[in-house]
N, C-alpha and C. Protein backbone atom coordinates (compact mmCIF):
# COMPACT_ATOMS: atom_id res chain seq x y z
N MET A 1 4.11 -17.59 -5.48
CA MET A 1 4.20 -16.91 -6.60
C MET A 1 3.72 -17.47 -7.55
N ASP A 2 2.43 -17.22 -7.98
CA ASP A 2 2.48 -18.24 -9.54
C ASP A 2 2.54 -16.90 -10.48
N THR A 3 2.52 -17.57 -11.85
CA THR A 3 3.14 -16.60 -13.10
C THR A 3 1.72 -15.33 -13.23
N ASN A 4 0.44 -16.49 -13.09
CA ASN A 4 -0.70 -15.64 -13.05
C ASN A 4 -0.44 -14.39 -11.95
N SER A 5 -0.09 -14.58 -10.59
CA SER A 5 -0.14 -13.19 -9.77
C SER A 5 0.75 -12.51 -10.40
N ILE A 6 1.61 -12.98 -10.49
CA ILE A 6 3.02 -11.91 -11.34
C ILE A 6 2.42 -11.20 -12.68
N GLN A 7 1.75 -11.52 -13.44
CA GLN A 7 1.10 -10.94 -14.85
C GLN A 7 -0.31 -9.74 -13.95
N GLU A 8 -1.38 -10.15 -13.28
CA GLU A 8 -1.45 -8.90 -12.61
C GLU A 8 -1.35 -7.88 -11.78
N ILE A 9 -0.44 -8.06 -11.37
CA ILE A 9 0.86 -7.24 -10.50
C ILE A 9 1.31 -6.42 -11.58
N MET A 10 1.54 -6.83 -12.70
CA MET A 10 2.31 -6.21 -14.07
C MET A 10 1.84 -5.20 -14.41
N LYS A 11 0.05 -5.63 -15.21
CA LYS A 11 -0.74 -4.89 -15.54
C LYS A 11 -1.16 -3.81 -14.61
N VAL A 12 -1.20 -4.30 -13.39
CA VAL A 12 -1.84 -2.96 -12.78
C VAL A 12 -0.24 -1.16 -12.61
N ILE A 13 1.05 -2.19 -12.26
CA ILE A 13 1.73 -2.00 -12.19
C ILE A 13 1.93 -0.42 -13.14
N HIS A 14 1.90 -1.04 -14.98
CA HIS A 14 2.65 -1.02 -16.31
C HIS A 14 1.58 0.88 -16.19
N GLU A 15 0.16 0.64 -15.92
CA GLU A 15 -1.06 1.13 -16.19
C GLU A 15 -0.92 2.30 -15.31
N PHE A 16 -0.22 1.90 -14.24
CA PHE A 16 -0.42 3.61 -13.37
C PHE A 16 0.80 4.43 -13.52
N PHE A 17 2.32 3.09 -13.66
CA PHE A 17 3.37 4.11 -13.51
C PHE A 17 4.27 4.32 -14.44
N PRO A 18 5.46 5.40 -14.79
CA PRO A 18 6.17 5.40 -16.10
C PRO A 18 6.51 4.66 -16.37
N GLU A 19 7.00 4.23 -17.71
CA GLU A 19 8.29 3.33 -17.95
C GLU A 19 9.20 3.16 -17.57
N HIS A 20 10.07 4.44 -16.65
CA HIS A 20 11.33 4.38 -16.55
C HIS A 20 11.05 3.03 -14.95
N THR A 21 9.77 2.37 -13.89
CA THR A 21 9.71 2.03 -13.05
C THR A 21 10.35 1.15 -13.12
N SER A 22 11.38 0.29 -12.54
CA SER A 22 11.56 -0.91 -12.24
C SER A 22 11.07 -1.50 -11.38
N ILE A 23 10.51 -3.22 -11.46
CA ILE A 23 9.71 -3.78 -10.39
C ILE A 23 10.52 -4.54 -9.96
N ALA A 24 10.07 -5.08 -8.58
CA ALA A 24 11.11 -6.66 -7.98
C ALA A 24 9.51 -7.24 -7.23
N ILE A 25 9.61 -8.32 -7.26
CA ILE A 25 8.71 -8.70 -6.40
C ILE A 25 9.49 -9.90 -5.51
N SER A 26 8.76 -10.03 -4.08
CA SER A 26 10.00 -11.20 -3.48
C SER A 26 8.12 -11.71 -2.63
N ASN A 27 9.35 -13.20 -2.42
CA ASN A 27 8.55 -13.65 -1.48
C ASN A 27 9.06 -12.91 -0.08
N THR A 28 8.58 -14.01 1.17
CA THR A 28 9.31 -13.39 2.19
C THR A 28 11.46 -13.18 2.69
N ASN A 29 12.06 -14.27 1.54
CA ASN A 29 12.80 -14.47 1.72
C ASN A 29 13.57 -13.77 0.24
N GLU A 30 13.89 -13.66 -0.69
CA GLU A 30 14.21 -13.48 -1.93
C GLU A 30 13.48 -12.70 -2.86
N TYR A 31 13.56 -12.10 -4.39
CA TYR A 31 12.99 -12.12 -5.54
C TYR A 31 12.97 -13.15 -5.82
N VAL A 32 11.67 -13.13 -6.46
CA VAL A 32 11.22 -14.26 -7.73
C VAL A 32 11.09 -13.47 -8.76
N TYR A 33 11.09 -12.05 -9.25
CA TYR A 33 10.89 -11.53 -10.24
C TYR A 33 11.98 -10.27 -10.52
N TYR A 34 12.01 -9.62 -11.57
CA TYR A 34 12.55 -8.41 -11.26
C TYR A 34 13.02 -8.06 -12.99
N GLN A 35 11.83 -6.61 -13.14
CA GLN A 35 12.35 -6.34 -14.52
C GLN A 35 13.01 -4.62 -14.45
N PRO A 36 14.06 -4.58 -15.09
CA PRO A 36 14.52 -2.91 -14.18
C PRO A 36 14.23 -2.43 -16.01
N SER A 37 13.61 -1.08 -15.72
CA SER A 37 14.10 0.25 -16.43
C SER A 37 15.34 0.31 -17.21
N LYS A 38 15.21 0.92 -18.08
CA LYS A 38 15.87 1.76 -19.03
C LYS A 38 16.85 2.62 -17.91
N LYS A 39 16.25 3.58 -17.13
CA LYS A 39 16.39 4.82 -16.38
C LYS A 39 17.64 4.05 -15.34
N LEU A 40 16.81 3.22 -14.93
CA LEU A 40 17.28 2.61 -13.20
C LEU A 40 17.80 0.68 -13.72
N ASP A 41 18.56 0.19 -12.86
CA ASP A 41 18.84 -0.87 -13.00
C ASP A 41 19.32 -0.94 -11.49
N LEU A 42 18.10 -1.79 -11.00
CA LEU A 42 19.57 -2.14 -9.53
C LEU A 42 20.42 -3.38 -8.71
N LYS A 43 20.31 -3.58 -10.48
CA LYS A 43 20.89 -5.52 -10.98
C LYS A 43 20.74 -6.58 -10.43
N ILE A 44 18.90 -6.65 -9.73
CA ILE A 44 18.37 -7.84 -8.66
C ILE A 44 18.38 -8.83 -9.63
N GLN A 45 18.63 -10.39 -9.28
CA GLN A 45 18.22 -11.22 -10.02
C GLN A 45 17.18 -12.16 -9.37
N PRO A 46 16.48 -12.96 -9.52
CA PRO A 46 15.43 -13.88 -8.93
C PRO A 46 16.86 -14.88 -7.87
N GLY A 47 16.17 -14.89 -6.72
CA GLY A 47 16.79 -15.68 -6.37
C GLY A 47 17.63 -14.60 -4.73
N ASP A 48 18.05 -13.50 -5.44
CA ASP A 48 18.81 -12.80 -4.86
C ASP A 48 17.97 -12.42 -3.40
N PRO A 49 18.74 -12.41 -2.01
CA PRO A 49 18.42 -12.69 -0.97
C PRO A 49 17.44 -10.99 -0.78
N ILE A 50 16.99 -10.51 0.26
CA ILE A 50 16.19 -8.95 0.25
C ILE A 50 17.57 -8.50 1.24
N LYS A 51 18.00 -7.39 0.85
CA LYS A 51 18.92 -6.81 1.52
C LYS A 51 18.04 -5.50 2.57
N GLU A 52 18.50 -6.09 3.74
CA GLU A 52 18.56 -4.81 5.28
C GLU A 52 18.05 -3.16 4.59
N GLY A 53 17.11 -2.73 5.03
CA GLY A 53 17.22 -1.26 4.61
C GLY A 53 16.67 -0.76 3.27
N THR A 54 15.97 -1.66 2.06
CA THR A 54 15.44 -1.48 1.25
C THR A 54 14.22 -1.20 1.66
N ALA A 55 12.98 -0.96 0.60
CA ALA A 55 12.54 -0.93 0.62
C ALA A 55 11.62 -1.62 0.88
N THR A 56 11.52 -2.33 0.12
CA THR A 56 10.62 -4.66 0.56
C THR A 56 11.03 -4.83 1.58
N TYR A 57 12.92 -4.74 1.86
CA TYR A 57 13.02 -5.62 3.06
C TYR A 57 11.97 -4.78 4.72
N LYS A 58 11.79 -3.54 4.41
CA LYS A 58 11.04 -2.58 5.30
C LYS A 58 9.22 -2.88 5.33
N ALA A 59 9.05 -3.05 4.12
CA ALA A 59 7.41 -3.74 3.83
C ALA A 59 6.88 -4.92 4.28
N LEU A 60 8.28 -6.00 4.38
CA LEU A 60 7.81 -7.06 5.19
C LEU A 60 7.80 -7.12 6.43
N LEU A 61 9.18 -6.32 6.71
CA LEU A 61 9.03 -6.15 8.53
C LEU A 61 8.11 -5.46 8.76
N TYR A 62 7.36 -4.27 8.28
CA TYR A 62 6.35 -3.71 9.41
C TYR A 62 5.08 -3.85 8.89
N GLY A 63 5.61 -4.97 7.72
CA GLY A 63 3.96 -5.73 7.22
C GLY A 63 2.32 -4.20 6.83
N GLN A 64 3.46 -3.54 5.73
CA GLN A 64 2.88 -1.78 5.54
C GLN A 64 3.98 -1.09 4.46
N LYS A 65 2.50 -0.74 4.00
CA LYS A 65 3.30 -0.13 2.80
C LYS A 65 4.25 1.12 3.38
N VAL A 66 6.06 0.36 2.24
CA VAL A 66 6.85 1.82 2.95
C VAL A 66 7.34 3.25 0.97
N ASN A 67 6.95 4.12 1.47
CA ASN A 67 7.58 5.08 0.50
C ASN A 67 8.55 6.01 1.11
N GLU A 68 9.51 5.88 0.52
CA GLU A 68 10.48 6.53 0.65
C GLU A 68 11.81 6.82 -0.23
N PHE A 69 12.95 6.69 -0.22
CA PHE A 69 13.57 7.41 -0.69
C PHE A 69 15.32 6.34 -0.25
N ILE A 70 15.59 5.50 -0.73
CA ILE A 70 16.20 4.82 -0.32
C ILE A 70 17.87 5.19 -0.41
N ASP A 71 19.11 4.74 0.57
CA ASP A 71 20.41 5.23 0.76
C ASP A 71 21.34 4.45 -0.34
N PRO A 72 22.06 5.30 -0.74
CA PRO A 72 22.62 4.43 -2.33
C PRO A 72 23.70 3.37 -1.60
N ASP A 73 24.21 3.59 -0.16
CA ASP A 73 24.79 2.78 0.34
C ASP A 73 23.93 1.00 -0.03
N ILE A 74 23.24 1.05 -0.04
CA ILE A 74 22.64 0.21 -0.35
C ILE A 74 23.09 -1.17 -1.96
N TYR A 75 22.94 -0.86 -2.77
CA TYR A 75 23.13 -0.64 -4.09
C TYR A 75 23.86 0.18 -5.42
N GLY A 76 24.38 1.46 -4.34
CA GLY A 76 24.84 1.71 -4.96
C GLY A 76 24.78 3.36 -5.56
N VAL A 77 23.31 2.86 -5.46
CA VAL A 77 22.77 4.30 -6.24
C VAL A 77 21.48 4.67 -5.33
N SER A 78 21.19 5.80 -5.34
CA SER A 78 20.11 5.86 -4.08
C SER A 78 18.86 5.63 -5.16
N TYR A 79 17.30 5.51 -5.04
CA TYR A 79 16.01 5.23 -5.39
C TYR A 79 15.00 5.81 -4.44
N TYR A 80 14.00 5.92 -5.22
CA TYR A 80 12.19 6.20 -4.34
C TYR A 80 12.17 4.60 -4.50
N GLY A 81 11.15 4.34 -3.60
CA GLY A 81 11.27 2.50 -3.39
C GLY A 81 9.41 3.17 -2.99
N MET A 82 8.60 1.84 -3.65
CA MET A 82 7.19 2.05 -3.60
C MET A 82 7.09 0.51 -2.42
N SER A 83 6.76 0.09 -1.37
CA SER A 83 6.66 -1.15 -1.57
C SER A 83 5.60 -1.50 -0.71
N ILE A 84 4.93 -2.56 -0.92
CA ILE A 84 3.63 -3.16 -0.45
C ILE A 84 3.57 -4.46 0.04
N PRO A 85 3.46 -5.26 1.41
CA PRO A 85 3.33 -6.68 1.16
C PRO A 85 2.22 -7.30 0.58
N ILE A 86 1.99 -8.50 -0.13
CA ILE A 86 1.25 -8.71 -0.68
C ILE A 86 0.63 -9.58 0.95
N ILE A 87 -0.74 -9.59 1.51
CA ILE A 87 -0.98 -10.03 2.60
C ILE A 87 -2.30 -11.63 2.02
N GLU A 88 -1.96 -12.23 2.34
CA GLU A 88 -3.05 -13.48 1.81
C GLU A 88 -3.58 -14.48 3.18
N GLU A 89 -4.28 -14.17 3.70
CA GLU A 89 -5.51 -15.30 4.91
C GLU A 89 -4.46 -14.26 6.08
N GLY A 90 -4.67 -13.12 5.81
CA GLY A 90 -3.54 -12.45 7.06
C GLY A 90 -2.55 -13.01 7.32
N GLU A 91 -1.54 -13.59 6.48
CA GLU A 91 0.19 -14.23 5.91
C GLU A 91 0.96 -13.43 5.27
N THR A 92 1.95 -12.34 5.20
CA THR A 92 2.56 -11.80 4.60
C THR A 92 3.15 -12.77 3.72
N LYS A 93 3.04 -12.66 2.17
CA LYS A 93 3.60 -13.65 1.42
C LYS A 93 4.82 -13.19 0.50
N GLY A 94 4.61 -12.19 0.99
CA GLY A 94 5.88 -11.26 -0.12
C GLY A 94 5.34 -10.12 -0.09
N ALA A 95 6.48 -9.41 -1.55
CA ALA A 95 6.11 -8.02 -1.54
C ALA A 95 6.23 -8.17 -3.26
N VAL A 96 5.19 -6.44 -3.32
CA VAL A 96 5.89 -5.85 -4.88
C VAL A 96 6.63 -4.74 -4.72
N THR A 97 7.51 -4.14 -4.97
CA THR A 97 7.93 -2.47 -4.90
C THR A 97 8.54 -2.20 -6.38
N ALA A 98 7.41 -0.87 -6.47
CA ALA A 98 8.20 0.22 -7.41
C ALA A 98 9.64 1.04 -7.09
N ILE A 99 10.63 0.83 -8.10
CA ILE A 99 11.60 1.35 -7.72
C ILE A 99 12.17 2.65 -8.96
N LEU A 100 11.82 3.86 -8.01
CA LEU A 100 11.70 4.93 -9.32
C LEU A 100 13.08 6.36 -9.07
N PRO A 101 13.35 6.52 -10.30
CA PRO A 101 14.62 7.24 -9.79
C PRO A 101 14.25 8.72 -8.64
N GLN A 102 12.93 8.69 -8.75
CA GLN A 102 12.50 10.09 -7.87
C GLN A 102 11.09 9.57 -7.95
N GLN A 103 10.55 10.87 -7.07
CA GLN A 103 8.84 10.62 -6.14
C GLN A 103 8.10 10.06 -7.30
N PRO A 104 7.15 9.83 -8.03
CA PRO A 104 6.62 9.74 -9.49
C PRO A 104 5.36 10.89 -8.78
N SER A 105 4.04 11.37 -9.59
CA SER A 105 3.39 12.29 -10.19
C SER A 105 2.48 12.44 -8.80
N PRO A 106 2.73 14.55 -8.78
CA PRO A 106 2.14 14.40 -7.49
C PRO A 106 0.21 14.04 -7.50
N PHE A 107 -0.03 14.25 -9.07
CA PHE A 107 -1.82 13.65 -8.49
C PHE A 107 -1.64 12.50 -8.31
N LEU A 108 -0.45 11.59 -8.59
CA LEU A 108 -0.79 10.10 -8.08
C LEU A 108 -1.66 9.93 -6.85
N SER A 109 -0.42 10.42 -5.70
CA SER A 109 -0.19 10.85 -4.18
C SER A 109 -1.39 12.12 -3.80
N GLN A 110 -2.25 12.28 -4.54
CA GLN A 110 -3.17 13.55 -4.03
C GLN A 110 -4.82 13.34 -4.26
N TYR A 111 -4.96 12.83 -5.72
CA TYR A 111 -5.72 12.53 -6.07
C TYR A 111 -6.23 10.62 -6.48
N MET A 112 -7.61 10.55 -6.45
CA MET A 112 -8.55 9.38 -7.02
C MET A 112 -9.70 9.39 -7.78
N THR A 113 -10.15 8.76 -8.60
CA THR A 113 -11.46 8.72 -9.65
C THR A 113 -11.95 7.62 -8.48
N ILE A 114 -13.54 7.85 -7.96
CA ILE A 114 -14.66 7.21 -7.63
C ILE A 114 -15.55 7.43 -8.58
N LYS A 115 -16.15 5.68 -8.84
CA LYS A 115 -17.81 5.73 -9.47
C LYS A 115 -18.76 5.47 -8.48
N THR A 116 -19.43 6.49 -8.92
CA THR A 116 -21.23 6.21 -7.59
C THR A 116 -22.11 6.47 -9.06
N ASP A 117 -22.74 5.85 -9.18
CA ASP A 117 -24.08 4.99 -10.05
C ASP A 117 -23.07 5.07 -11.77
N GLU A 118 -23.72 5.67 -12.48
CA GLU A 118 -23.11 5.82 -13.88
C GLU A 118 -21.53 7.16 -13.88
N ASN A 119 -21.80 7.53 -13.39
CA ASN A 119 -20.85 8.81 -13.13
C ASN A 119 -19.04 8.71 -12.48
N TRP A 120 -18.38 9.70 -12.61
CA TRP A 120 -16.88 9.28 -12.07
C TRP A 120 -16.13 10.55 -11.45
N TYR A 121 -16.12 10.47 -10.31
CA TYR A 121 -15.37 11.73 -9.26
C TYR A 121 -14.16 11.86 -8.48
N PRO A 122 -13.40 12.63 -9.25
CA PRO A 122 -11.92 13.03 -8.68
C PRO A 122 -12.56 13.31 -7.21
N VAL A 123 -11.90 12.59 -6.25
CA VAL A 123 -11.93 13.19 -4.43
C VAL A 123 -9.98 13.80 -4.72
N LYS A 124 -10.22 14.48 -3.43
CA LYS A 124 -8.28 14.61 -2.99
C LYS A 124 -8.61 13.19 -1.40
N HIS A 125 -6.96 12.88 -1.62
CA HIS A 125 -6.51 11.95 -0.74
C HIS A 125 -7.24 12.43 0.97
N SER A 126 -6.91 13.47 1.12
CA SER A 126 -7.04 14.20 2.10
C SER A 126 -8.07 14.56 2.58
N GLU A 127 -9.68 14.13 1.35
CA GLU A 127 -10.95 14.16 1.98
C GLU A 127 -11.73 12.45 2.84
N VAL A 128 -10.53 11.91 2.19
CA VAL A 128 -11.07 9.61 2.45
C VAL A 128 -11.21 10.31 3.80
N LEU A 129 -12.02 9.44 4.35
CA LEU A 129 -12.29 8.72 5.60
C LEU A 129 -11.94 7.19 5.67
N PHE A 130 -11.63 6.64 5.43
CA PHE A 130 -11.69 4.96 4.76
C PHE A 130 -12.05 4.79 3.56
N LEU A 131 -10.97 3.12 3.61
CA LEU A 131 -11.48 2.50 2.24
C LEU A 131 -11.72 1.49 3.00
N GLU A 132 -12.47 0.44 2.31
CA GLU A 132 -12.34 -0.79 2.20
C GLU A 132 -13.05 -2.14 1.50
N THR A 133 -11.95 -3.07 1.04
CA THR A 133 -13.05 -4.20 0.39
C THR A 133 -14.27 -4.44 -0.15
N GLN A 134 -14.46 -4.80 -0.57
CA GLN A 134 -16.02 -5.26 -1.02
C GLN A 134 -15.44 -5.89 -2.46
N LEU A 135 -15.96 -6.95 -2.43
CA LEU A 135 -15.93 -7.38 -3.97
C LEU A 135 -15.34 -7.64 -4.41
N ARG A 136 -14.04 -7.98 -3.88
CA ARG A 136 -12.72 -7.09 -5.17
C ARG A 136 -12.39 -5.43 -5.72
N LYS A 137 -13.58 -4.83 -4.93
CA LYS A 137 -13.57 -3.69 -5.48
C LYS A 137 -12.83 -2.54 -3.74
N THR A 138 -12.84 -1.49 -4.01
CA THR A 138 -12.60 -0.89 -2.86
C THR A 138 -13.65 0.09 -2.84
N PHE A 139 -14.32 0.55 -1.40
CA PHE A 139 -15.08 1.22 -1.51
C PHE A 139 -14.59 2.35 -0.73
N VAL A 140 -14.91 3.75 -0.99
CA VAL A 140 -14.38 4.56 -0.48
C VAL A 140 -15.00 5.52 0.13
N LYS A 141 -14.76 5.80 1.03
CA LYS A 141 -15.72 6.90 2.06
C LYS A 141 -15.27 8.36 2.10
N THR A 142 -15.79 9.18 1.31
CA THR A 142 -15.22 10.81 1.96
C THR A 142 -15.81 11.53 2.86
N LEU A 143 -15.81 12.96 3.13
CA LEU A 143 -16.51 14.44 3.43
C LEU A 143 -17.35 14.39 2.38
N THR A 144 -17.82 13.77 1.94
CA THR A 144 -18.53 14.26 0.94
C THR A 144 -19.57 13.78 0.29
N ARG A 145 -19.08 12.07 -0.28
CA ARG A 145 -19.32 11.43 -1.49
C ARG A 145 -18.78 10.17 -1.05
N GLU A 146 -19.56 9.04 -1.81
CA GLU A 146 -18.61 7.84 -1.59
C GLU A 146 -18.74 6.76 -2.95
N GLY A 147 -18.24 5.93 -2.57
CA GLY A 147 -18.54 5.57 -4.24
C GLY A 147 -17.04 4.02 -4.03
N TYR A 148 -17.10 3.36 -5.84
CA TYR A 148 -15.85 2.71 -5.13
C TYR A 148 -14.74 2.91 -6.54
N HIS A 149 -13.98 2.30 -6.23
CA HIS A 149 -12.42 3.16 -7.07
C HIS A 149 -12.48 1.14 -7.80
N ARG A 150 -11.93 1.15 -8.75
CA ARG A 150 -11.68 -0.13 -9.66
C ARG A 150 -10.17 -0.73 -9.08
N LEU A 151 -9.71 -0.58 -8.45
CA LEU A 151 -8.26 -1.48 -8.19
C LEU A 151 -9.07 -1.83 -6.62
N ASN A 152 -8.12 -2.94 -6.29
CA ASN A 152 -8.33 -3.82 -5.38
C ASN A 152 -7.20 -2.82 -4.10
N LEU A 153 -7.52 -3.42 -2.45
CA LEU A 153 -7.40 -2.60 -1.65
C LEU A 153 -5.62 -1.75 -1.15
N SER A 154 -5.44 -3.48 -1.80
CA SER A 154 -3.51 -3.28 -2.27
C SER A 154 -3.07 -2.34 -3.06
N GLU A 155 -3.38 -2.33 -3.93
CA GLU A 155 -3.26 -1.58 -5.26
C GLU A 155 -2.98 -0.42 -4.95
N LEU A 156 -4.40 -0.18 -4.30
CA LEU A 156 -4.57 1.60 -4.07
C LEU A 156 -4.15 1.75 -3.38
N GLU A 157 -3.47 0.83 -2.34
CA GLU A 157 -2.47 1.44 -1.25
C GLU A 157 -0.86 2.12 -1.50
N LEU A 158 -0.71 1.91 -2.70
CA LEU A 158 0.60 2.20 -3.24
C LEU A 158 0.86 3.45 -3.07
N PHE A 159 -0.74 4.13 -3.72
CA PHE A 159 -0.68 5.38 -3.71
C PHE A 159 -0.89 5.81 -2.15
N LEU A 160 -0.95 5.74 -1.57
CA LEU A 160 -1.70 6.56 -0.39
C LEU A 160 -0.84 6.61 0.11
N SER A 161 -0.55 8.19 0.68
CA SER A 161 0.82 8.40 1.47
C SER A 161 0.64 7.83 2.55
N SER A 162 1.91 7.56 3.18
CA SER A 162 1.43 6.12 4.37
C SER A 162 2.29 7.31 6.22
N GLU A 163 2.06 8.74 5.69
CA GLU A 163 1.67 9.89 6.61
C GLU A 163 0.54 9.82 7.50
N SER A 164 -0.39 9.80 6.00
CA SER A 164 -1.64 10.10 6.73
C SER A 164 -2.66 8.18 6.68
N PHE A 165 -2.34 7.90 5.97
CA PHE A 165 -3.13 6.90 6.38
C PHE A 165 -2.68 5.40 6.64
N ILE A 166 -3.17 4.90 7.44
CA ILE A 166 -2.74 3.01 7.99
C ILE A 166 -3.46 2.34 7.40
N ARG A 167 -3.44 1.19 7.32
CA ARG A 167 -3.67 0.17 7.82
C ARG A 167 -4.23 -0.96 8.85
N CYS A 168 -5.47 -1.27 9.29
CA CYS A 168 -5.48 -1.41 10.57
C CYS A 168 -6.27 -2.60 10.36
N HIS A 169 -6.69 -3.40 8.55
CA HIS A 169 -7.31 -4.85 8.76
C HIS A 169 -6.58 -4.93 7.77
N ARG A 170 -6.78 -6.37 6.85
CA ARG A 170 -6.77 -7.19 5.53
C ARG A 170 -8.35 -5.76 4.66
N SER A 171 -8.67 -5.61 5.52
CA SER A 171 -10.05 -5.10 4.42
C SER A 171 -10.30 -3.54 4.68
N TYR A 172 -9.47 -3.08 5.75
CA TYR A 172 -9.73 -1.64 6.50
C TYR A 172 -8.39 -0.73 5.89
N ILE A 173 -8.14 0.25 5.30
CA ILE A 173 -7.45 2.01 5.47
C ILE A 173 -8.53 2.67 6.41
N VAL A 174 -7.24 3.13 6.98
CA VAL A 174 -8.11 4.56 7.68
C VAL A 174 -6.92 5.82 7.70
N ASN A 175 -7.98 6.95 6.90
CA ASN A 175 -7.08 8.51 7.86
C ASN A 175 -6.60 8.95 8.76
N ILE A 176 -5.53 8.76 9.53
CA ILE A 176 -5.54 8.88 10.87
C ILE A 176 -6.01 10.40 11.01
N ALA A 177 -6.59 11.00 10.42
CA ALA A 177 -7.47 12.78 10.87
C ALA A 177 -8.75 12.53 11.08
N PHE A 178 -9.15 11.39 10.62
CA PHE A 178 -10.60 11.28 10.45
C PHE A 178 -11.33 9.80 11.96
N ILE A 179 -9.68 9.58 12.81
CA ILE A 179 -10.63 8.48 13.73
C ILE A 179 -10.89 9.65 15.30
N LYS A 180 -11.98 9.62 15.42
CA LYS A 180 -12.46 9.95 16.57
C LYS A 180 -12.04 9.34 17.85
N GLU A 181 -12.07 7.91 17.63
CA GLU A 181 -11.76 7.61 19.03
C GLU A 181 -11.32 5.88 19.22
N ILE A 182 -10.64 5.33 19.70
CA ILE A 182 -9.75 4.31 19.75
C ILE A 182 -9.78 3.83 20.89
N GLN A 183 -11.07 2.68 20.53
CA GLN A 183 -11.35 1.51 22.11
C GLN A 183 -10.66 0.26 21.93
N PRO A 184 -10.80 -0.30 23.21
CA PRO A 184 -10.55 -1.59 22.99
C PRO A 184 -11.64 -2.30 22.67
N ASP A 185 -11.66 -3.78 22.61
CA ASP A 185 -12.38 -4.27 22.02
C ASP A 185 -12.26 -5.95 22.01
N SER A 186 -13.18 -6.54 22.67
CA SER A 186 -12.93 -8.09 22.67
C SER A 186 -12.84 -9.15 21.57
N HIS A 187 -12.86 -8.78 20.36
CA HIS A 187 -13.47 -9.82 19.23
C HIS A 187 -11.92 -9.09 17.99
N SER A 188 -11.89 -7.77 18.72
CA SER A 188 -10.23 -7.40 17.32
C SER A 188 -9.55 -6.44 18.82
N THR A 189 -8.00 -6.14 18.66
CA THR A 189 -7.44 -5.93 19.41
C THR A 189 -8.01 -3.98 20.21
N PHE A 190 -8.60 -3.48 18.85
CA PHE A 190 -9.11 -2.69 19.24
C PHE A 190 -9.95 -1.94 18.13
N LEU A 191 -11.16 -1.07 18.44
CA LEU A 191 -12.32 -0.80 17.41
C LEU A 191 -11.93 0.69 17.58
N LEU A 192 -11.54 1.02 15.95
CA LEU A 192 -12.16 2.97 15.55
C LEU A 192 -13.81 3.06 15.46
N GLU A 193 -13.37 4.36 15.90
CA GLU A 193 -15.05 5.00 15.57
C GLU A 193 -14.57 6.57 14.98
N MET A 194 -15.27 6.39 13.84
CA MET A 194 -14.80 7.29 12.95
C MET A 194 -15.27 8.31 12.87
N ASN A 195 -15.14 9.54 12.32
CA ASN A 195 -15.86 10.93 12.15
C ASN A 195 -17.31 10.94 12.35
N ASP A 196 -17.73 9.82 11.18
CA ASP A 196 -18.78 9.31 9.98
C ASP A 196 -19.63 8.70 11.35
N GLY A 197 -18.78 8.20 12.29
CA GLY A 197 -20.11 6.83 13.36
C GLY A 197 -19.57 5.65 12.61
N THR A 198 -18.68 5.28 11.92
CA THR A 198 -18.70 4.29 11.17
C THR A 198 -17.05 3.73 12.15
N ARG A 199 -18.21 2.27 12.71
CA ARG A 199 -16.36 1.50 13.40
C ARG A 199 -16.02 0.18 12.74
N ILE A 200 -14.47 0.25 12.78
CA ILE A 200 -13.77 -0.20 12.13
C ILE A 200 -12.64 -0.58 12.53
N PRO A 201 -12.96 -1.90 12.88
CA PRO A 201 -11.80 -3.25 13.52
C PRO A 201 -10.36 -2.84 13.42
N VAL A 202 -9.52 -3.04 14.56
CA VAL A 202 -8.01 -2.68 13.54
C VAL A 202 -7.24 -4.69 14.86
N SER A 203 -6.99 -5.24 13.58
CA SER A 203 -6.86 -7.21 14.05
C SER A 203 -5.75 -7.22 14.75
N GLN A 204 -5.40 -8.26 15.20
CA GLN A 204 -4.42 -8.38 15.92
C GLN A 204 -2.90 -8.63 14.54
N ARG A 205 -3.35 -8.68 13.52
CA ARG A 205 -1.74 -8.97 13.12
C ARG A 205 -1.20 -7.32 12.76
N TYR A 206 -2.23 -6.66 12.49
CA TYR A 206 -2.06 -4.99 12.44
C TYR A 206 -1.74 -4.18 13.91
N ALA A 207 -1.81 -4.54 14.92
CA ALA A 207 -2.44 -4.31 16.26
C ALA A 207 -0.70 -3.36 16.95
N SER A 208 0.14 -4.36 16.63
CA SER A 208 1.49 -3.76 17.33
C SER A 208 2.20 -2.47 16.11
N TYR A 209 1.43 -2.95 14.88
CA TYR A 209 2.38 -1.63 14.19
C TYR A 209 1.72 -0.65 14.29
N PHE A 210 -0.10 -0.63 14.34
CA PHE A 210 -0.31 0.38 14.44
C PHE A 210 -0.48 1.21 15.65
N ARG A 211 -0.11 0.52 17.09
CA ARG A 211 -0.07 1.00 18.57
C ARG A 211 1.51 1.27 18.14
N ARG A 212 2.59 1.12 17.53
CA ARG A 212 3.53 2.31 17.58
C ARG A 212 3.38 3.14 16.40
N SER A 213 3.05 3.42 15.52
CA SER A 213 3.03 4.28 14.42
C SER A 213 2.10 5.46 15.29
N LEU A 214 0.93 5.62 16.13
CA LEU A 214 0.33 6.21 16.73
C LEU A 214 0.97 6.42 18.50
N GLY A 215 1.60 5.75 18.41
CA GLY A 215 2.29 6.14 19.93
C GLY A 215 1.76 6.01 20.81
N PHE A 216 1.01 5.13 20.96
CA PHE A 216 0.06 4.84 22.78
C PHE A 216 0.72 2.77 22.71
């Protein structure tokens, strides 16, 4: 991961997370960048191996975002970890992990603001059917409207609940509550029919996690 990529990631982190957030960026084996906060410092050093049981480890293992409190047995202090894998051309290259002493503002985990024409609209996460990558922006389809969010899919994924949303493709995240039917498909592992009629593929890369998460 080059310096420019790290700088772009940090811009997003600093804009949406409070200043007491520590940030760790890793490849698939070790940390390559760490910025501690004044309130919480896990004493990670670039080159340190990724410890089993951490948010980073779980995000890399499952290829999906992880949001959870991590036991103090690992680093000597409990923390709330928000980790998301970095995926390029279908392959996991690393992960970005936000490390906080407590869960962030509930507004970030409940609302997002999308733009339609020249206006902006706050929408509840619970009303979002799916999100799709379109030209470096994220297309958001809700129950009542559709529009674009300025963050890309991976950046926006940090703020979505892993209990409701699941990534099924490099270009799609779906709200499980609005999946009408799961169909076998010859071109992708599965094909999802959403409640609005949209058909969304589940790629081979995400198929195992998708099946395990939904229990079939």
